mmCIF file of all heavy atoms, coordinates in Angstrom:
data_MODEL
# 
_entry.id   MODEL 
# 
loop_
_atom_site.group_PDB 
_atom_site.id 
_atom_site.type_symbol 
_atom_site.label_atom_id 
_atom_site.label_alt_id 
_atom_site.label_comp_id 
_atom_site.label_asym_id 
_atom_site.label_entity_id 
_atom_site.label_seq_id 
_atom_site.pdbx_PDB_ins_code 
_atom_site.Cartn_x 
_atom_site.Cartn_y 
_atom_site.Cartn_z 
_atom_site.occupancy 
_atom_site.B_iso_or_equiv 
_atom_site.pdbx_formal_charge 
_atom_site.auth_seq_id 
_atom_site.auth_comp_id 
_atom_site.auth_asym_id 
_atom_site.auth_atom_id 
_atom_site.pdbx_PDB_model_num 
ATOM 1   N N   . ARG A 1 1  ? -2.234  9.396   4.331  1.00 0.00 ? 1  ARG A N   1 
ATOM 2   C CA  . ARG A 1 1  ? -3.134  9.930   3.290  1.00 0.00 ? 1  ARG A CA  1 
ATOM 3   C C   . ARG A 1 1  ? -3.935  11.120  3.823  1.00 0.00 ? 1  ARG A C   1 
ATOM 4   O O   . ARG A 1 1  ? -4.269  12.027  3.070  1.00 0.00 ? 1  ARG A O   1 
ATOM 5   C CB  . ARG A 1 1  ? -4.076  8.841   2.778  1.00 0.00 ? 1  ARG A CB  1 
ATOM 6   C CG  . ARG A 1 1  ? -3.377  7.638   2.173  1.00 0.00 ? 1  ARG A CG  1 
ATOM 7   C CD  . ARG A 1 1  ? -2.714  7.893   0.879  1.00 0.00 ? 1  ARG A CD  1 
ATOM 8   N NE  . ARG A 1 1  ? -3.753  8.159   -0.099 1.00 0.00 ? 1  ARG A NE  1 
ATOM 9   C CZ  . ARG A 1 1  ? -3.537  8.736   -1.253 1.00 0.00 ? 1  ARG A CZ  1 
ATOM 10  N NH1 . ARG A 1 1  ? -2.336  9.094   -1.586 1.00 0.00 ? 1  ARG A NH1 1 
ATOM 11  N NH2 . ARG A 1 1  ? -4.515  8.947   -2.079 1.00 0.00 ? 1  ARG A NH2 1 
ATOM 12  N N   . GLN A 1 2  ? -4.249  11.122  5.132  1.00 0.00 ? 2  GLN A N   1 
ATOM 13  C CA  . GLN A 1 2  ? -4.997  12.228  5.726  1.00 0.00 ? 2  GLN A CA  1 
ATOM 14  C C   . GLN A 1 2  ? -4.136  13.489  5.837  1.00 0.00 ? 2  GLN A C   1 
ATOM 15  O O   . GLN A 1 2  ? -4.615  14.589  5.589  1.00 0.00 ? 2  GLN A O   1 
ATOM 16  C CB  . GLN A 1 2  ? -5.498  11.846  7.129  1.00 0.00 ? 2  GLN A CB  1 
ATOM 17  C CG  . GLN A 1 2  ? -6.531  10.743  7.124  1.00 0.00 ? 2  GLN A CG  1 
ATOM 18  C CD  . GLN A 1 2  ? -7.797  11.160  6.394  1.00 0.00 ? 2  GLN A CD  1 
ATOM 19  O OE1 . GLN A 1 2  ? -8.340  12.221  6.636  1.00 0.00 ? 2  GLN A OE1 1 
ATOM 20  N NE2 . GLN A 1 2  ? -8.252  10.323  5.480  1.00 0.00 ? 2  GLN A NE2 1 
ATOM 21  N N   . ILE A 1 3  ? -2.863  13.330  6.198  1.00 0.00 ? 3  ILE A N   1 
ATOM 22  C CA  . ILE A 1 3  ? -2.014  14.506  6.413  1.00 0.00 ? 3  ILE A CA  1 
ATOM 23  C C   . ILE A 1 3  ? -1.241  14.939  5.171  1.00 0.00 ? 3  ILE A C   1 
ATOM 24  O O   . ILE A 1 3  ? -0.842  16.096  5.073  1.00 0.00 ? 3  ILE A O   1 
ATOM 25  C CB  . ILE A 1 3  ? -1.034  14.290  7.589  1.00 0.00 ? 3  ILE A CB  1 
ATOM 26  C CG1 . ILE A 1 3  ? -0.126  13.081  7.347  1.00 0.00 ? 3  ILE A CG1 1 
ATOM 27  C CG2 . ILE A 1 3  ? -1.784  14.150  8.892  1.00 0.00 ? 3  ILE A CG2 1 
ATOM 28  C CD1 . ILE A 1 3  ? 0.951   12.900  8.384  1.00 0.00 ? 3  ILE A CD1 1 
ATOM 29  N N   . ALA A 1 4  ? -1.040  14.022  4.237  1.00 0.00 ? 4  ALA A N   1 
ATOM 30  C CA  . ALA A 1 4  ? -0.285  14.340  3.019  1.00 0.00 ? 4  ALA A CA  1 
ATOM 31  C C   . ALA A 1 4  ? -0.892  13.580  1.846  1.00 0.00 ? 4  ALA A C   1 
ATOM 32  O O   . ALA A 1 4  ? -0.319  12.615  1.347  1.00 0.00 ? 4  ALA A O   1 
ATOM 33  C CB  . ALA A 1 4  ? 1.188   13.977  3.202  1.00 0.00 ? 4  ALA A CB  1 
ATOM 34  N N   . PRO A 1 5  ? -2.064  14.013  1.379  1.00 0.00 ? 5  PRO A N   1 
ATOM 35  C CA  . PRO A 1 5  ? -2.774  13.252  0.350  1.00 0.00 ? 5  PRO A CA  1 
ATOM 36  C C   . PRO A 1 5  ? -2.026  13.094  -0.971 1.00 0.00 ? 5  PRO A C   1 
ATOM 37  O O   . PRO A 1 5  ? -2.279  12.142  -1.706 1.00 0.00 ? 5  PRO A O   1 
ATOM 38  C CB  . PRO A 1 5  ? -4.079  14.022  0.158  1.00 0.00 ? 5  PRO A CB  1 
ATOM 39  C CG  . PRO A 1 5  ? -3.930  15.302  0.876  1.00 0.00 ? 5  PRO A CG  1 
ATOM 40  C CD  . PRO A 1 5  ? -2.793  15.185  1.823  1.00 0.00 ? 5  PRO A CD  1 
ATOM 41  N N   . SER A 1 6  ? -1.092  13.970  -1.269 1.00 0.00 ? 6  SER A N   1 
ATOM 42  C CA  . SER A 1 6  ? -0.373  13.831  -2.537 1.00 0.00 ? 6  SER A CA  1 
ATOM 43  C C   . SER A 1 6  ? 0.873   12.947  -2.421 1.00 0.00 ? 6  SER A C   1 
ATOM 44  O O   . SER A 1 6  ? 1.499   12.627  -3.429 1.00 0.00 ? 6  SER A O   1 
ATOM 45  C CB  . SER A 1 6  ? -0.005  15.203  -3.099 1.00 0.00 ? 6  SER A CB  1 
ATOM 46  O OG  . SER A 1 6  ? 0.842   15.882  -2.208 1.00 0.00 ? 6  SER A OG  1 
ATOM 47  N N   . THR A 1 7  ? 1.223   12.552  -1.209 1.00 0.00 ? 7  THR A N   1 
ATOM 48  C CA  . THR A 1 7  ? 2.349   11.638  -1.031 1.00 0.00 ? 7  THR A CA  1 
ATOM 49  C C   . THR A 1 7  ? 1.978   10.271  -1.577 1.00 0.00 ? 7  THR A C   1 
ATOM 50  O O   . THR A 1 7  ? 0.917   9.736   -1.274 1.00 0.00 ? 7  THR A O   1 
ATOM 51  C CB  . THR A 1 7  ? 2.731   11.528  0.463  1.00 0.00 ? 7  THR A CB  1 
ATOM 52  O OG1 . THR A 1 7  ? 3.223   12.791  0.904  1.00 0.00 ? 7  THR A OG1 1 
ATOM 53  C CG2 . THR A 1 7  ? 3.793   10.473  0.691  1.00 0.00 ? 7  THR A CG2 1 
ATOM 54  N N   . LYS A 1 8  ? 2.857   9.709   -2.375 1.00 0.00 ? 8  LYS A N   1 
ATOM 55  C CA  . LYS A 1 8  ? 2.628   8.385   -2.942 1.00 0.00 ? 8  LYS A CA  1 
ATOM 56  C C   . LYS A 1 8  ? 3.135   7.334   -1.961 1.00 0.00 ? 8  LYS A C   1 
ATOM 57  O O   . LYS A 1 8  ? 4.201   7.491   -1.370 1.00 0.00 ? 8  LYS A O   1 
ATOM 58  C CB  . LYS A 1 8  ? 3.311   8.256   -4.284 1.00 0.00 ? 8  LYS A CB  1 
ATOM 59  C CG  . LYS A 1 8  ? 2.688   9.163   -5.333 1.00 0.00 ? 8  LYS A CG  1 
ATOM 60  C CD  . LYS A 1 8  ? 3.411   9.045   -6.660 1.00 0.00 ? 8  LYS A CD  1 
ATOM 61  C CE  . LYS A 1 8  ? 2.700   9.815   -7.739 1.00 0.00 ? 8  LYS A CE  1 
ATOM 62  N NZ  . LYS A 1 8  ? 2.848   11.242  -7.664 1.00 0.00 ? 8  LYS A NZ  1 
ATOM 63  N N   . ILE A 1 9  ? 2.368   6.278   -1.803 1.00 0.00 ? 9  ILE A N   1 
ATOM 64  C CA  . ILE A 1 9  ? 2.722   5.221   -0.872 1.00 0.00 ? 9  ILE A CA  1 
ATOM 65  C C   . ILE A 1 9  ? 3.003   3.940   -1.644 1.00 0.00 ? 9  ILE A C   1 
ATOM 66  O O   . ILE A 1 9  ? 2.172   3.486   -2.432 1.00 0.00 ? 9  ILE A O   1 
ATOM 67  C CB  . ILE A 1 9  ? 1.599   4.993   0.159  1.00 0.00 ? 9  ILE A CB  1 
ATOM 68  C CG1 . ILE A 1 9  ? 1.422   6.268   0.989  1.00 0.00 ? 9  ILE A CG1 1 
ATOM 69  C CG2 . ILE A 1 9  ? 1.902   3.784   1.033  1.00 0.00 ? 9  ILE A CG2 1 
ATOM 70  C CD1 . ILE A 1 9  ? 0.237   6.264   1.902  1.00 0.00 ? 9  ILE A CD1 1 
ATOM 71  N N   . VAL A 1 10 ? 4.184   3.390   -1.399 1.00 0.00 ? 10 VAL A N   1 
ATOM 72  C CA  . VAL A 1 10 ? 4.578   2.115   -1.998 1.00 0.00 ? 10 VAL A CA  1 
ATOM 73  C C   . VAL A 1 10 ? 4.764   1.126   -0.857 1.00 0.00 ? 10 VAL A C   1 
ATOM 74  O O   . VAL A 1 10 ? 5.605   1.328   0.018  1.00 0.00 ? 10 VAL A O   1 
ATOM 75  C CB  . VAL A 1 10 ? 5.889   2.240   -2.800 1.00 0.00 ? 10 VAL A CB  1 
ATOM 76  C CG1 . VAL A 1 10 ? 6.321   0.879   -3.342 1.00 0.00 ? 10 VAL A CG1 1 
ATOM 77  C CG2 . VAL A 1 10 ? 5.741   3.251   -3.920 1.00 0.00 ? 10 VAL A CG2 1 
ATOM 78  N N   . PHE A 1 11 ? 3.947   0.093   -0.850 1.00 0.00 ? 11 PHE A N   1 
ATOM 79  C CA  . PHE A 1 11 ? 4.114   -0.948  0.151  1.00 0.00 ? 11 PHE A CA  1 
ATOM 80  C C   . PHE A 1 11 ? 5.256   -1.846  -0.286 1.00 0.00 ? 11 PHE A C   1 
ATOM 81  O O   . PHE A 1 11 ? 5.264   -2.364  -1.401 1.00 0.00 ? 11 PHE A O   1 
ATOM 82  C CB  . PHE A 1 11 ? 2.825   -1.760  0.321  1.00 0.00 ? 11 PHE A CB  1 
ATOM 83  C CG  . PHE A 1 11 ? 1.757   -1.001  1.040  1.00 0.00 ? 11 PHE A CG  1 
ATOM 84  C CD1 . PHE A 1 11 ? 0.737   -0.385  0.337  1.00 0.00 ? 11 PHE A CD1 1 
ATOM 85  C CD2 . PHE A 1 11 ? 1.780   -0.876  2.414  1.00 0.00 ? 11 PHE A CD2 1 
ATOM 86  C CE1 . PHE A 1 11 ? -0.246  0.330   0.984  1.00 0.00 ? 11 PHE A CE1 1 
ATOM 87  C CE2 . PHE A 1 11 ? 0.803   -0.156  3.082  1.00 0.00 ? 11 PHE A CE2 1 
ATOM 88  C CZ  . PHE A 1 11 ? -0.216  0.447   2.367  1.00 0.00 ? 11 PHE A CZ  1 
ATOM 89  N N   . LEU A 1 12 ? 6.244   -2.000  0.581  1.00 0.00 ? 12 LEU A N   1 
ATOM 90  C CA  . LEU A 1 12 ? 7.409   -2.844  0.333  1.00 0.00 ? 12 LEU A CA  1 
ATOM 91  C C   . LEU A 1 12 ? 7.431   -3.866  1.463  1.00 0.00 ? 12 LEU A C   1 
ATOM 92  O O   . LEU A 1 12 ? 7.757   -3.540  2.603  1.00 0.00 ? 12 LEU A O   1 
ATOM 93  C CB  . LEU A 1 12 ? 8.684   -2.000  0.327  1.00 0.00 ? 12 LEU A CB  1 
ATOM 94  C CG  . LEU A 1 12 ? 9.992   -2.707  0.038  1.00 0.00 ? 12 LEU A CG  1 
ATOM 95  C CD1 . LEU A 1 12 ? 9.969   -3.348  -1.340 1.00 0.00 ? 12 LEU A CD1 1 
ATOM 96  C CD2 . LEU A 1 12 ? 11.158  -1.738  0.139  1.00 0.00 ? 12 LEU A CD2 1 
ATOM 97  N N   . THR A 1 13 ? 7.044   -5.083  1.162  1.00 0.00 ? 13 THR A N   1 
ATOM 98  C CA  . THR A 1 13 ? 6.783   -6.053  2.226  1.00 0.00 ? 13 THR A CA  1 
ATOM 99  C C   . THR A 1 13 ? 7.168   -7.468  1.836  1.00 0.00 ? 13 THR A C   1 
ATOM 100 O O   . THR A 1 13 ? 7.328   -7.756  0.649  1.00 0.00 ? 13 THR A O   1 
ATOM 101 C CB  . THR A 1 13 ? 5.285   -5.982  2.612  1.00 0.00 ? 13 THR A CB  1 
ATOM 102 O OG1 . THR A 1 13 ? 5.038   -6.866  3.690  1.00 0.00 ? 13 THR A OG1 1 
ATOM 103 C CG2 . THR A 1 13 ? 4.392   -6.310  1.447  1.00 0.00 ? 13 THR A CG2 1 
ATOM 104 N N   . VAL A 1 14 ? 7.276   -8.325  2.834  1.00 0.00 ? 14 VAL A N   1 
ATOM 105 C CA  . VAL A 1 14 ? 7.574   -9.740  2.571  1.00 0.00 ? 14 VAL A CA  1 
ATOM 106 C C   . VAL A 1 14 ? 6.358   -10.468 2.039  1.00 0.00 ? 14 VAL A C   1 
ATOM 107 O O   . VAL A 1 14 ? 6.476   -11.534 1.461  1.00 0.00 ? 14 VAL A O   1 
ATOM 108 C CB  . VAL A 1 14 ? 8.109   -10.471 3.829  1.00 0.00 ? 14 VAL A CB  1 
ATOM 109 C CG1 . VAL A 1 14 ? 9.441   -9.910  4.253  1.00 0.00 ? 14 VAL A CG1 1 
ATOM 110 C CG2 . VAL A 1 14 ? 7.107   -10.452 4.952  1.00 0.00 ? 14 VAL A CG2 1 
ATOM 111 N N   . HIS A 1 15 ? 5.176   -9.904  2.223  1.00 0.00 ? 15 HIS A N   1 
ATOM 112 C CA  . HIS A 1 15 ? 3.942   -10.559 1.766  1.00 0.00 ? 15 HIS A CA  1 
ATOM 113 C C   . HIS A 1 15 ? 3.885   -10.571 0.236  1.00 0.00 ? 15 HIS A C   1 
ATOM 114 O O   . HIS A 1 15 ? 4.122   -9.563  -0.399 1.00 0.00 ? 15 HIS A O   1 
ATOM 115 C CB  . HIS A 1 15 ? 2.707   -9.823  2.293  1.00 0.00 ? 15 HIS A CB  1 
ATOM 116 C CG  . HIS A 1 15 ? 2.616   -9.834  3.778  1.00 0.00 ? 15 HIS A CG  1 
ATOM 117 N ND1 . HIS A 1 15 ? 2.261   -10.949 4.489  1.00 0.00 ? 15 HIS A ND1 1 
ATOM 118 C CD2 . HIS A 1 15 ? 2.843   -8.861  4.682  1.00 0.00 ? 15 HIS A CD2 1 
ATOM 119 C CE1 . HIS A 1 15 ? 2.275   -10.664 5.776  1.00 0.00 ? 15 HIS A CE1 1 
ATOM 120 N NE2 . HIS A 1 15 ? 2.621   -9.401  5.923  1.00 0.00 ? 15 HIS A NE2 1 
ATOM 121 N N   . LYS A 1 16 ? 3.536   -11.723 -0.310 1.00 0.00 ? 16 LYS A N   1 
ATOM 122 C CA  . LYS A 1 16 ? 3.373   -11.836 -1.758 1.00 0.00 ? 16 LYS A CA  1 
ATOM 123 C C   . LYS A 1 16 ? 1.941   -12.182 -2.129 1.00 0.00 ? 16 LYS A C   1 
ATOM 124 O O   . LYS A 1 16 ? 1.610   -12.301 -3.285 1.00 0.00 ? 16 LYS A O   1 
ATOM 125 C CB  . LYS A 1 16 ? 4.312   -12.913 -2.317 1.00 0.00 ? 16 LYS A CB  1 
ATOM 126 C CG  . LYS A 1 16 ? 5.762   -12.509 -2.328 1.00 0.00 ? 16 LYS A CG  1 
ATOM 127 C CD  . LYS A 1 16 ? 6.617   -13.582 -2.918 1.00 0.00 ? 16 LYS A CD  1 
ATOM 128 C CE  . LYS A 1 16 ? 6.655   -13.462 -4.406 1.00 0.00 ? 16 LYS A CE  1 
ATOM 129 N NZ  . LYS A 1 16 ? 7.655   -14.305 -5.052 1.00 0.00 ? 16 LYS A NZ  1 
ATOM 130 N N   . SER A 1 17 ? 1.093   -12.309 -1.142 1.00 0.00 ? 17 SER A N   1 
ATOM 131 C CA  . SER A 1 17 ? -0.280  -12.727 -1.359 1.00 0.00 ? 17 SER A CA  1 
ATOM 132 C C   . SER A 1 17 ? -1.053  -11.725 -2.212 1.00 0.00 ? 17 SER A C   1 
ATOM 133 O O   . SER A 1 17 ? -1.017  -10.523 -1.958 1.00 0.00 ? 17 SER A O   1 
ATOM 134 C CB  . SER A 1 17 ? -0.978  -12.879 -0.003 1.00 0.00 ? 17 SER A CB  1 
ATOM 135 O OG  . SER A 1 17 ? -2.370  -12.873 -0.149 1.00 0.00 ? 17 SER A OG  1 
ATOM 136 N N   . PRO A 1 18 ? -1.768  -12.202 -3.220 1.00 0.00 ? 18 PRO A N   1 
ATOM 137 C CA  . PRO A 1 18 ? -2.618  -11.306 -4.012 1.00 0.00 ? 18 PRO A CA  1 
ATOM 138 C C   . PRO A 1 18 ? -3.671  -10.605 -3.153 1.00 0.00 ? 18 PRO A C   1 
ATOM 139 O O   . PRO A 1 18 ? -4.056  -9.480  -3.430 1.00 0.00 ? 18 PRO A O   1 
ATOM 140 C CB  . PRO A 1 18 ? -3.266  -12.223 -5.044 1.00 0.00 ? 18 PRO A CB  1 
ATOM 141 C CG  . PRO A 1 18 ? -2.391  -13.425 -5.108 1.00 0.00 ? 18 PRO A CG  1 
ATOM 142 C CD  . PRO A 1 18 ? -1.764  -13.564 -3.749 1.00 0.00 ? 18 PRO A CD  1 
ATOM 143 N N   . ASP A 1 19 ? -4.115  -11.281 -2.079 1.00 0.00 ? 19 ASP A N   1 
ATOM 144 C CA  . ASP A 1 19 ? -5.104  -10.663 -1.190 1.00 0.00 ? 19 ASP A CA  1 
ATOM 145 C C   . ASP A 1 19 ? -4.523  -9.453  -0.464 1.00 0.00 ? 19 ASP A C   1 
ATOM 146 O O   . ASP A 1 19 ? -5.193  -8.438  -0.309 1.00 0.00 ? 19 ASP A O   1 
ATOM 147 C CB  . ASP A 1 19 ? -5.619  -11.683 -0.166 1.00 0.00 ? 19 ASP A CB  1 
ATOM 148 C CG  . ASP A 1 19 ? -6.439  -12.782 -0.813 1.00 0.00 ? 19 ASP A CG  1 
ATOM 149 O OD1 . ASP A 1 19 ? -7.005  -12.548 -1.907 1.00 0.00 ? 19 ASP A OD1 1 
ATOM 150 O OD2 . ASP A 1 19 ? -6.510  -13.879 -0.242 1.00 0.00 ? 19 ASP A OD2 1 
ATOM 151 N N   . ILE A 1 20 ? -3.272  -9.567  -0.021 1.00 0.00 ? 20 ILE A N   1 
ATOM 152 C CA  . ILE A 1 20 ? -2.616  -8.434  0.649  1.00 0.00 ? 20 ILE A CA  1 
ATOM 153 C C   . ILE A 1 20 ? -2.412  -7.297  -0.352 1.00 0.00 ? 20 ILE A C   1 
ATOM 154 O O   . ILE A 1 20 ? -2.682  -6.137  -0.066 1.00 0.00 ? 20 ILE A O   1 
ATOM 155 C CB  . ILE A 1 20 ? -1.266  -8.850  1.269  1.00 0.00 ? 20 ILE A CB  1 
ATOM 156 C CG1 . ILE A 1 20 ? -1.469  -9.878  2.366  1.00 0.00 ? 20 ILE A CG1 1 
ATOM 157 C CG2 . ILE A 1 20 ? -0.513  -7.634  1.785  1.00 0.00 ? 20 ILE A CG2 1 
ATOM 158 C CD1 . ILE A 1 20 ? -2.129  -9.371  3.621  1.00 0.00 ? 20 ILE A CD1 1 
ATOM 159 N N   . ALA A 1 21 ? -1.951  -7.626  -1.546 1.00 0.00 ? 21 ALA A N   1 
ATOM 160 C CA  . ALA A 1 21 ? -1.742  -6.602  -2.576 1.00 0.00 ? 21 ALA A CA  1 
ATOM 161 C C   . ALA A 1 21 ? -3.062  -5.892  -2.883 1.00 0.00 ? 21 ALA A C   1 
ATOM 162 O O   . ALA A 1 21 ? -3.099  -4.657  -3.006 1.00 0.00 ? 21 ALA A O   1 
ATOM 163 C CB  . ALA A 1 21 ? -1.168  -7.228  -3.840 1.00 0.00 ? 21 ALA A CB  1 
ATOM 164 N N   . LYS A 1 22 ? -4.133  -6.649  -2.973 1.00 0.00 ? 22 LYS A N   1 
ATOM 165 C CA  . LYS A 1 22 ? -5.446  -6.064  -3.249 1.00 0.00 ? 22 LYS A CA  1 
ATOM 166 C C   . LYS A 1 22 ? -5.892  -5.155  -2.106 1.00 0.00 ? 22 LYS A C   1 
ATOM 167 O O   . LYS A 1 22 ? -6.422  -4.062  -2.333 1.00 0.00 ? 22 LYS A O   1 
ATOM 168 C CB  . LYS A 1 22 ? -6.461  -7.193  -3.469 1.00 0.00 ? 22 LYS A CB  1 
ATOM 169 C CG  . LYS A 1 22 ? -7.816  -6.729  -3.894 1.00 0.00 ? 22 LYS A CG  1 
ATOM 170 C CD  . LYS A 1 22 ? -8.712  -7.932  -4.152 1.00 0.00 ? 22 LYS A CD  1 
ATOM 171 C CE  . LYS A 1 22 ? -10.108 -7.499  -4.533 1.00 0.00 ? 22 LYS A CE  1 
ATOM 172 N NZ  . LYS A 1 22 ? -10.988 -8.642  -4.751 1.00 0.00 ? 22 LYS A NZ  1 
ATOM 173 N N   . ALA A 1 23 ? -5.658  -5.581  -0.864 1.00 0.00 ? 23 ALA A N   1 
ATOM 174 C CA  . ALA A 1 23 ? -6.065  -4.792  0.309  1.00 0.00 ? 23 ALA A CA  1 
ATOM 175 C C   . ALA A 1 23 ? -5.315  -3.471  0.392  1.00 0.00 ? 23 ALA A C   1 
ATOM 176 O O   . ALA A 1 23 ? -5.849  -2.483  0.897  1.00 0.00 ? 23 ALA A O   1 
ATOM 177 C CB  . ALA A 1 23 ? -5.849  -5.605  1.578  1.00 0.00 ? 23 ALA A CB  1 
ATOM 178 N N   . THR A 1 24 ? -4.099  -3.431  -0.124 1.00 0.00 ? 24 THR A N   1 
ATOM 179 C CA  . THR A 1 24 ? -3.309  -2.201  -0.035 1.00 0.00 ? 24 THR A CA  1 
ATOM 180 C C   . THR A 1 24 ? -3.680  -1.182  -1.107 1.00 0.00 ? 24 THR A C   1 
ATOM 181 O O   . THR A 1 24 ? -3.331  -0.007  -0.984 1.00 0.00 ? 24 THR A O   1 
ATOM 182 C CB  . THR A 1 24 ? -1.803  -2.510  -0.142 1.00 0.00 ? 24 THR A CB  1 
ATOM 183 O OG1 . THR A 1 24 ? -1.530  -3.094  -1.419 1.00 0.00 ? 24 THR A OG1 1 
ATOM 184 C CG2 . THR A 1 24 ? -1.347  -3.434  0.966  1.00 0.00 ? 24 THR A CG2 1 
ATOM 185 N N   . ARG A 1 25 ? -4.381  -1.586  -2.138 1.00 0.00 ? 25 ARG A N   1 
ATOM 186 C CA  . ARG A 1 25 ? -4.715  -0.675  -3.241 1.00 0.00 ? 25 ARG A CA  1 
ATOM 187 C C   . ARG A 1 25 ? -5.579  0.503   -2.813 1.00 0.00 ? 25 ARG A C   1 
ATOM 188 O O   . ARG A 1 25 ? -5.554  1.557   -3.447 1.00 0.00 ? 25 ARG A O   1 
ATOM 189 C CB  . ARG A 1 25 ? -5.402  -1.431  -4.369 1.00 0.00 ? 25 ARG A CB  1 
ATOM 190 C CG  . ARG A 1 25 ? -4.432  -2.254  -5.153 1.00 0.00 ? 25 ARG A CG  1 
ATOM 191 C CD  . ARG A 1 25 ? -5.046  -2.801  -6.439 1.00 0.00 ? 25 ARG A CD  1 
ATOM 192 N NE  . ARG A 1 25 ? -4.187  -3.851  -6.933 1.00 0.00 ? 25 ARG A NE  1 
ATOM 193 C CZ  . ARG A 1 25 ? -4.525  -5.117  -7.062 1.00 0.00 ? 25 ARG A CZ  1 
ATOM 194 N NH1 . ARG A 1 25 ? -5.742  -5.506  -6.761 1.00 0.00 ? 25 ARG A NH1 1 
ATOM 195 N NH2 . ARG A 1 25 ? -3.668  -6.000  -7.503 1.00 0.00 ? 25 ARG A NH2 1 
# 
């Protein structure tokens, strides 16, 4: 985000926890 602020980031992970999803927002 610091070097390419317009790049979109999609987390693709084994975690399904709502807490992890919330932390990545």
